[in-house]
Protein backbone atom coordinates (compact mmCIF):
# COMPACT_ATOMS: atom_id res chain seq x y z
CA MET A 1 28.18 -24.33 6.72
CA ILE A 2 25.10 -22.80 8.44
CA ILE A 3 21.82 -24.54 7.75
CA MET A 4 18.67 -22.74 8.78
CA GLU A 5 15.74 -25.02 9.31
CA PRO A 6 12.15 -23.83 9.07
CA LYS A 7 10.15 -24.13 12.31
CA GLU A 8 7.70 -26.43 10.60
CA PRO A 9 8.88 -27.90 7.25
CA LEU A 10 6.07 -27.65 4.72
CA PHE A 11 5.96 -28.53 1.01
CA THR A 12 3.34 -28.26 -1.66
CA ASP A 13 2.42 -31.20 -3.96
CA GLU A 14 1.53 -30.92 -7.65
CA SER A 15 -2.02 -29.76 -6.78
CA GLY A 16 -0.73 -27.05 -4.43
CA ALA A 17 -1.85 -28.85 -1.24
CA VAL A 18 0.50 -28.33 1.68
CA GLN A 19 2.36 -31.44 2.77
CA ARG A 20 4.67 -32.04 5.80
CA GLU A 21 6.72 -34.68 3.93
CA MET A 22 8.18 -34.99 0.45
CA ALA A 23 8.80 -38.00 -1.72
CA ILE A 24 12.37 -38.39 -2.99
CA ASN A 25 13.31 -41.56 -4.80
CA LYS A 26 9.94 -42.98 -3.87
CA GLN A 27 10.59 -42.53 -0.14
CA GLN A 28 8.68 -40.19 2.13
CA ILE A 29 11.13 -37.94 3.99
CA THR A 30 10.75 -35.04 6.36
CA GLY A 31 12.17 -31.54 6.18
CA GLU A 32 14.99 -32.56 8.53
CA ALA A 33 15.95 -35.50 6.31
CA ILE A 34 15.92 -33.13 3.31
CA MET A 35 18.30 -30.74 5.02
CA ASP A 36 20.63 -33.67 5.97
CA ARG A 37 20.56 -34.79 2.33
CA LEU A 38 21.34 -31.28 1.09
CA GLY A 39 24.23 -31.06 3.57
CA ALA A 40 25.62 -34.31 2.22
CA PHE A 41 25.46 -33.04 -1.35
CA GLU A 42 27.17 -29.79 -0.30
CA GLN A 43 29.93 -31.79 1.45
CA MET A 44 30.38 -33.94 -1.67
CA LEU A 45 30.73 -30.90 -3.89
CA ASP A 46 33.26 -29.35 -1.52
CA ASP A 47 35.28 -32.59 -1.44
CA ILE A 48 35.33 -32.88 -5.22
CA LEU A 49 36.45 -29.23 -5.63
CA HIS A 50 39.26 -29.67 -3.11
CA GLN A 51 40.42 -33.03 -4.51
CA ASN A 52 40.37 -31.57 -8.05
CA GLU A 53 42.51 -28.61 -6.89
CA ARG A 54 45.02 -30.91 -5.01
CA GLU A 55 45.42 -33.28 -8.00
CA GLN A 56 45.91 -30.34 -10.37
CA ILE A 57 48.81 -29.19 -8.17
CA GLU A 58 50.26 -32.69 -8.22
CA MET A 59 49.96 -32.82 -11.96
CA LYS A 60 51.83 -29.59 -12.34
CA LYS A 61 54.66 -30.95 -10.13
CA LEU A 62 54.91 -34.13 -12.13
CA LYS A 63 54.82 -32.25 -15.43
CA ALA A 64 57.61 -29.94 -14.23
CA ALA A 65 59.65 -32.99 -13.40
CA GLY A 66 59.06 -34.39 -16.92
CA LYS A 67 56.89 -37.27 -15.63
CA GLU A 68 53.83 -36.93 -17.85
CA LYS A 69 54.05 -40.56 -18.93
CA THR A 70 53.97 -42.03 -15.43
CA ALA A 71 51.07 -44.05 -14.10
CA ALA A 72 50.52 -41.50 -11.30
CA TYR A 73 50.18 -38.59 -13.83
CA ARG A 74 47.80 -40.59 -15.92
CA GLN A 75 45.71 -41.60 -12.95
CA TYR A 76 45.45 -37.89 -11.94
CA LEU A 77 44.47 -37.06 -15.48
CA GLY A 78 41.70 -39.65 -15.46
CA ASN A 79 40.52 -38.43 -12.05
CA ARG A 80 40.41 -34.82 -13.30
CA MET A 81 38.31 -35.84 -16.30
CA PHE A 82 35.89 -37.58 -13.94
CA TYR A 83 35.75 -34.53 -11.61
CA LYS A 84 35.08 -32.29 -14.60
CA MET A 85 32.14 -34.52 -15.59
CA ILE A 86 30.72 -34.37 -12.12
CA LEU A 87 31.16 -30.53 -11.83
CA ASP A 88 29.60 -30.16 -15.30
CA LYS A 89 26.54 -32.01 -14.03
CA TYR A 90 26.34 -29.71 -10.99
CA ARG A 91 26.45 -26.74 -13.42
CA GLN A 92 23.85 -28.27 -15.69
CA TYR A 93 21.40 -28.41 -12.85
CA GLY A 94 22.24 -24.90 -11.58
CA LEU A 95 23.98 -26.20 -8.43
CA LEU A 96 27.39 -24.71 -9.12
CA ASP A 97 28.39 -21.18 -10.11
CA GLU A 98 29.69 -20.91 -13.70
CA ARG A 99 32.99 -19.34 -12.38
CA MET A 100 33.87 -22.49 -10.30
């Protein structure tokens, strides 16, 4: 992933005044910290997408072997429901393409 940082991170507050820092979760953070945080969210999304795909493949293998009632299959099913909820939240906030 390529992250392009502005030469001098600037933000505007509610009044339109230019600020060098931004408050997130009641903490003042700089542009560099914001980019680090964004990178972490992007990595989390990528990990969830890959794990979801891997577990879907494992579920298909178990189903083909007639093992839908096993603990492993049910655990994968529970995980996939959790991943779906997380990915739906990403979509809700416009952070994930509808086709993903």
